[in-house]
Amino acid sequence: METVKLNSGFEMPIIGLGTFLLTPDEAENSVYNALKSGYRLIDTANSYVNEKAVARGIKKSGVPREEIFLETKLWPAFYEEDGMIEKTLERLNTDYIDLLLLHQPAGNYMYAYKQMEKAVKEGKVRSLGLANFDEKQMKEIMEECEIKPAVLQTEAHPYFPQTEMKKFIAQYDIRLQAWYPLGHGDSTLINEPVLAEIGKKYGKTNAQIILRWHIQENNIIIPGARKAEHIQENIEIFDFSLTEEDMKKIATINKNERYYESMPIVLAGYAAFRPDIDSQK
């Protein structure tokens, strides 16, 4: 498994399993299958309401906790709650979180980031990050923080490669992590003729070509999958490399268009919405 070194000094696998939209049973099974297939990065979040299931999948796999890079995200409605990080640790059945992110730039995220820094000092968290923040919001964090974010988790794929954002975060040695690296599973993107042409050359699927593109773009990726065969397929991208010409061809499909827009009214809704994390099985 290839890794990247974060500005916190820790090594992070460059590919992992995303658990967004997975039910608890699906998350448990997918985490188990991913770890048995060689994955060592698992991504979850308070709002996915499957952190307990992720913990069960880890335990079921038999892979030692110290070999796993566990990542989760705090939800805005909990940013100001006492013990939010400790409760997250309890749900994940772990003494520490490898990477803890603020999930959305909503609510009192500056207060939450200060609490995350405190958790690092207490040994409960190893690295900090942000998700879905734009440059202005990140600058606000950078001006106030003691511990720099190590990762920005955000939308990125061949239709929206985040070229300008990557230039910005490079100033701070922050790594980009692409959620939904296959573009929300959009069939238009997946079936792009240029991807099929390149895939045929290497005997790889279009999805594998996209994931390999991410790797060579130095993006950390967390494709989600329910089926064991898809989990295995997603990790079989280290036995070939795209040429410079391949990368240039893929660059031609850049539309500079995203699937997700962080609108103020949406962010306000995030701050008010309280996922029922306490009743999760």
Protein backbone atom coordinates (compact mmCIF):
# COMPACT_ATOMS: atom_id res chain seq x y z
CA MET A 1 0.00 0.00 0.00
CA GLU A 2 1.42 3.36 -1.02
CA THR A 3 1.38 6.12 1.59
CA VAL A 4 1.92 9.87 1.76
CA LYS A 5 3.54 11.74 4.63
CA LEU A 6 1.28 14.37 6.16
CA ASN A 7 2.49 17.69 7.59
CA SER A 8 1.71 16.18 11.01
CA GLY A 9 4.50 13.67 10.44
CA PHE A 10 2.21 10.64 10.08
CA GLU A 11 1.97 8.35 7.06
CA MET A 12 -1.45 8.04 5.43
CA PRO A 13 -2.45 5.40 2.86
CA ILE A 14 -3.18 6.98 -0.51
CA ILE A 15 -6.32 4.90 -1.06
CA GLY A 16 -8.97 3.80 1.39
CA LEU A 17 -12.59 2.82 1.76
CA GLY A 18 -15.31 5.45 1.98
CA THR A 19 -18.46 4.51 3.91
CA PHE A 20 -20.81 7.33 2.90
CA LEU A 21 -24.38 6.08 2.31
CA LEU A 22 -23.57 2.61 3.68
CA THR A 23 -26.02 1.18 6.19
CA PRO A 24 -24.50 -0.19 9.39
CA ASP A 25 -24.58 -3.77 8.05
CA GLU A 26 -23.10 -2.68 4.73
CA ALA A 27 -20.41 -0.62 6.45
CA GLU A 28 -19.40 -3.49 8.71
CA ASN A 29 -19.11 -5.89 5.79
CA SER A 30 -17.34 -3.43 3.51
CA VAL A 31 -14.79 -2.49 6.17
CA TYR A 32 -14.12 -6.16 6.85
CA ASN A 33 -13.71 -6.96 3.14
CA ALA A 34 -11.55 -3.90 2.53
CA LEU A 35 -9.16 -4.69 5.35
CA LYS A 36 -8.91 -8.33 4.25
CA SER A 37 -8.14 -7.08 0.71
CA GLY A 38 -5.23 -4.96 1.90
CA TYR A 39 -6.81 -1.57 2.55
CA ARG A 40 -5.50 0.25 5.59
CA LEU A 41 -7.44 3.53 5.40
CA ILE A 42 -11.08 3.66 6.50
CA ASP A 43 -13.18 6.85 6.28
CA THR A 44 -16.42 7.48 8.15
CA ALA A 45 -18.24 10.37 9.84
CA ASN A 46 -20.68 11.20 12.62
CA SER A 47 -23.36 11.94 10.04
CA TYR A 48 -23.00 8.59 8.28
CA VAL A 49 -24.42 6.99 11.44
CA ASN A 50 -22.23 3.92 10.93
CA GLU A 51 -19.22 4.57 13.18
CA LYS A 52 -20.13 1.67 15.49
CA ALA A 53 -20.45 -0.62 12.48
CA VAL A 54 -17.05 0.52 11.20
CA ALA A 55 -15.60 -0.42 14.58
CA ARG A 56 -17.16 -3.87 14.35
CA GLY A 57 -15.77 -4.37 10.86
CA ILE A 58 -12.29 -3.47 12.09
CA LYS A 59 -12.54 -5.88 15.02
CA LYS A 60 -13.94 -8.65 12.81
CA SER A 61 -11.05 -8.28 10.33
CA GLY A 62 -8.43 -9.15 12.92
CA VAL A 63 -6.13 -6.45 11.55
CA PRO A 64 -4.31 -4.75 14.46
CA ARG A 65 -5.61 -1.25 15.19
CA GLU A 66 -2.10 0.23 14.86
CA GLU A 67 -1.97 -0.91 11.22
CA ILE A 68 -5.17 0.95 10.35
CA PHE A 69 -5.50 4.65 9.52
CA LEU A 70 -8.94 5.57 10.86
CA GLU A 71 -10.54 8.80 9.72
CA THR A 72 -13.81 10.38 10.80
CA LYS A 73 -15.55 13.75 10.70
CA LEU A 74 -17.38 15.87 13.26
CA TRP A 75 -20.81 17.10 12.20
CA PRO A 76 -21.65 20.86 12.61
CA ALA A 77 -24.58 20.31 14.98
CA PHE A 78 -22.11 18.79 17.47
CA TYR A 79 -19.29 21.36 17.12
CA GLU A 80 -20.08 23.05 20.44
CA GLU A 81 -21.10 19.96 22.43
CA ASP A 82 -18.99 18.92 25.38
CA GLY A 83 -17.38 15.54 24.90
CA MET A 84 -18.07 15.35 21.16
CA ILE A 85 -14.65 13.90 20.43
CA GLU A 86 -14.76 11.47 23.36
CA LYS A 87 -18.17 10.22 22.22
CA THR A 88 -16.80 9.71 18.71
CA LEU A 89 -13.90 7.70 20.14
CA GLU A 90 -16.37 5.58 22.10
CA ARG A 91 -18.48 4.82 19.03
CA LEU A 92 -15.36 3.86 17.09
CA ASN A 93 -14.13 1.71 20.00
CA THR A 94 -10.66 3.24 19.81
CA ASP A 95 -8.30 5.27 21.98
CA TYR A 96 -7.26 7.58 19.16
CA ILE A 97 -8.33 8.82 15.74
CA ASP A 98 -5.69 9.06 13.04
CA LEU A 99 -7.37 11.93 11.20
CA LEU A 100 -10.27 14.03 12.48
CA LEU A 101 -11.98 16.48 10.13
CA LEU A 102 -14.55 19.23 10.43
CA HIS A 103 -17.23 17.95 8.08
CA GLN A 104 -18.69 21.26 6.88
CA PRO A 105 -17.90 24.99 7.17
CA ALA A 106 -21.10 25.53 9.15
CA GLY A 107 -21.87 26.34 12.76
CA ASN A 108 -19.11 27.36 15.16
CA TYR A 109 -16.33 25.59 13.31
CA MET A 110 -13.59 27.75 14.82
CA TYR A 111 -14.53 26.62 18.32
CA ALA A 112 -14.64 23.02 17.13
CA TYR A 113 -11.20 23.30 15.55
CA LYS A 114 -9.78 24.58 18.84
CA GLN A 115 -11.26 21.54 20.59
CA MET A 116 -9.69 19.31 17.96
CA GLU A 117 -6.29 20.91 18.62
CA LYS A 118 -6.80 20.20 22.33
CA ALA A 119 -7.53 16.55 21.46
CA VAL A 120 -4.25 16.33 19.55
CA LYS A 121 -2.36 17.62 22.58
CA GLU A 122 -4.14 15.03 24.73
CA GLY A 123 -3.18 12.18 22.38
CA LYS A 124 -6.75 11.45 21.30
CA VAL A 125 -6.22 12.60 17.71
CA ARG A 126 -3.10 12.47 15.55
CA SER A 127 -3.86 14.70 12.57
CA LEU A 128 -6.47 17.34 11.79
CA GLY A 129 -8.29 18.20 8.59
CA LEU A 130 -11.15 20.03 6.93
CA ALA A 131 -13.87 18.89 4.56
CA ASN A 132 -15.69 21.01 1.99
CA PHE A 133 -14.02 24.28 3.06
CA ASP A 134 -13.21 26.89 0.41
CA GLU A 135 -10.10 29.09 0.30
CA LYS A 136 -11.64 31.93 2.33
CA GLN A 137 -12.82 29.60 5.08
CA MET A 138 -9.47 27.80 5.13
CA LYS A 139 -7.62 31.10 5.48
CA GLU A 140 -9.74 31.87 8.52
CA ILE A 141 -8.63 28.59 10.10
CA MET A 142 -4.99 29.12 9.10
CA GLU A 143 -4.92 32.57 10.72
CA GLU A 144 -6.14 31.23 14.07
CA CYS A 145 -4.90 27.67 14.38
CA GLU A 146 -1.91 26.33 16.28
CA ILE A 147 -1.92 23.02 14.40
CA LYS A 148 -2.25 23.21 10.63
CA PRO A 149 -4.80 21.03 8.88
CA ALA A 150 -3.04 18.10 7.21
CA VAL A 151 -5.81 17.19 4.76
CA LEU A 152 -8.59 18.90 2.84
CA GLN A 153 -11.30 16.42 1.90
CA THR A 154 -13.26 17.82 -1.01
CA GLU A 155 -14.82 17.06 -4.37
CA ALA A 156 -12.29 16.21 -7.07
CA HIS A 157 -12.46 14.10 -10.26
CA PRO A 158 -11.52 14.50 -13.94
CA TYR A 159 -14.50 16.82 -14.54
CA PHE A 160 -13.37 19.03 -11.62
CA PRO A 161 -9.68 18.45 -10.82
CA GLN A 162 -9.42 21.26 -8.22
CA THR A 163 -6.36 22.77 -9.92
CA GLU A 164 -6.55 26.15 -8.16
CA MET A 165 -7.38 24.71 -4.76
CA LYS A 166 -4.41 22.35 -4.97
CA LYS A 167 -2.12 25.30 -5.67
CA PHE A 168 -3.54 27.07 -2.62
CA ILE A 169 -3.20 24.21 -0.15
CA ALA A 170 0.28 23.34 -1.42
CA GLN A 171 1.47 26.54 0.29
CA TYR A 172 0.66 24.91 3.62
CA ASP A 173 1.72 21.36 2.74
CA ILE A 174 -1.92 20.24 2.97
CA ARG A 175 -2.92 17.15 1.00
CA LEU A 176 -6.11 16.91 -1.03
CA GLN A 177 -8.37 13.94 -0.41
CA ALA A 178 -11.08 13.35 -3.00
CA TRP A 179 -14.46 12.21 -1.77
CA TYR A 180 -16.56 10.49 -4.41
CA PRO A 181 -13.45 10.25 -6.60
CA LEU A 182 -15.51 8.65 -9.38
CA GLY A 183 -17.76 11.69 -9.64
CA HIS A 184 -20.80 10.46 -7.71
CA GLY A 185 -20.79 7.41 -9.96
CA ASP A 186 -21.97 9.61 -12.83
CA SER A 187 -22.30 7.36 -15.88
CA THR A 188 -21.35 10.22 -18.18
CA LEU A 189 -17.97 10.53 -16.51
CA ILE A 190 -17.45 6.80 -16.06
CA ASN A 191 -18.22 6.15 -19.73
CA GLU A 192 -16.07 8.89 -21.21
CA PRO A 193 -14.59 7.48 -24.46
CA VAL A 194 -11.09 8.66 -23.60
CA LEU A 195 -11.17 6.58 -20.41
CA ALA A 196 -12.37 3.52 -22.32
CA GLU A 197 -9.58 3.99 -24.86
CA ILE A 198 -6.92 4.19 -22.16
CA GLY A 199 -8.48 1.35 -20.17
CA LYS A 200 -8.39 -0.97 -23.16
CA LYS A 201 -4.65 -0.35 -23.49
CA TYR A 202 -3.98 -1.50 -19.93
CA GLY A 203 -6.76 -4.05 -19.53
CA LYS A 204 -8.40 -1.92 -16.84
CA THR A 205 -11.92 -0.63 -16.28
CA ASN A 206 -12.79 3.02 -16.79
CA ALA A 207 -13.20 3.38 -13.01
CA GLN A 208 -9.71 2.00 -12.44
CA ILE A 209 -8.32 4.52 -14.93
CA ILE A 210 -9.98 7.36 -13.00
CA LEU A 211 -8.62 6.07 -9.69
CA ARG A 212 -5.13 5.72 -11.19
CA TRP A 213 -5.45 9.28 -12.51
CA HIS A 214 -6.10 10.43 -8.94
CA ILE A 215 -3.03 8.61 -7.66
CA GLN A 216 -0.83 10.29 -10.27
CA GLU A 217 -2.46 13.62 -9.43
CA ASN A 218 -1.24 12.97 -5.86
CA ASN A 219 -4.80 12.84 -4.52
CA ILE A 220 -5.72 10.63 -1.59
CA ILE A 221 -8.88 8.73 -2.52
CA ILE A 222 -11.68 6.96 -0.67
CA PRO A 223 -13.96 5.22 -3.18
CA GLY A 224 -17.01 3.67 -1.58
CA ALA A 225 -18.19 0.17 -2.41
CA ARG A 226 -20.64 -2.38 -1.08
CA LYS A 227 -19.60 -5.47 -3.03
CA ALA A 228 -16.38 -7.32 -2.23
CA GLU A 229 -15.47 -7.57 -5.91
CA HIS A 230 -15.72 -3.80 -6.37
CA ILE A 231 -13.65 -3.20 -3.25
CA GLN A 232 -10.97 -5.50 -4.67
CA GLU A 233 -11.18 -3.94 -8.14
CA ASN A 234 -10.69 -0.42 -6.76
CA ILE A 235 -7.39 -1.31 -5.17
CA GLU A 236 -5.95 -3.04 -8.24
CA ILE A 237 -4.45 0.16 -9.61
CA PHE A 238 -0.83 -0.16 -8.55
CA ASP A 239 0.31 -2.59 -11.26
CA PHE A 240 0.35 -0.01 -14.04
CA SER A 241 1.05 3.69 -14.61
CA LEU A 242 -0.54 6.20 -16.93
CA THR A 243 1.81 7.89 -19.36
CA GLU A 244 2.16 11.65 -19.67
CA GLU A 245 0.16 11.39 -22.88
CA ASP A 246 -2.61 9.50 -21.04
CA MET A 247 -2.75 12.21 -18.40
CA LYS A 248 -2.97 14.92 -21.05
CA LYS A 249 -5.85 13.10 -22.74
CA ILE A 250 -7.74 12.86 -19.46
CA ALA A 251 -7.12 16.57 -18.88
CA THR A 252 -9.13 17.33 -22.02
CA ILE A 253 -12.38 16.22 -20.34
CA ASN A 254 -12.04 18.79 -17.55
CA LYS A 255 -15.32 20.74 -17.43
CA ASN A 256 -14.45 22.71 -14.29
CA GLU A 257 -17.85 21.63 -13.04
CA ARG A 258 -18.67 20.17 -9.66
CA TYR A 259 -21.60 18.04 -8.55
CA TYR A 260 -21.88 19.63 -5.09
CA GLU A 261 -22.32 23.32 -4.27
CA SER A 262 -21.91 24.57 -0.70
CA MET A 263 -24.72 27.15 -0.57
CA PRO A 264 -25.37 29.29 2.56
CA ILE A 265 -28.91 27.95 2.97
CA VAL A 266 -27.58 24.39 2.78
CA LEU A 267 -24.87 25.10 5.35
CA ALA A 268 -27.46 26.60 7.70
CA GLY A 269 -29.41 23.38 7.40
CA TYR A 270 -26.32 21.35 8.24
CA ALA A 271 -25.79 23.35 11.42
CA ALA A 272 -29.37 22.61 12.52
CA PHE A 273 -29.58 18.98 11.47
CA ARG A 274 -28.79 16.45 14.19
CA PRO A 275 -28.20 12.91 12.89
CA ASP A 276 -29.42 10.28 15.33
CA ILE A 277 -25.98 8.94 16.17
CA ASP A 278 -26.87 7.73 19.65
CA SER A 279 -29.37 5.13 18.46
CA GLN A 280 -27.14 3.58 15.81
CA LYS A 281 -26.68 -0.13 16.19
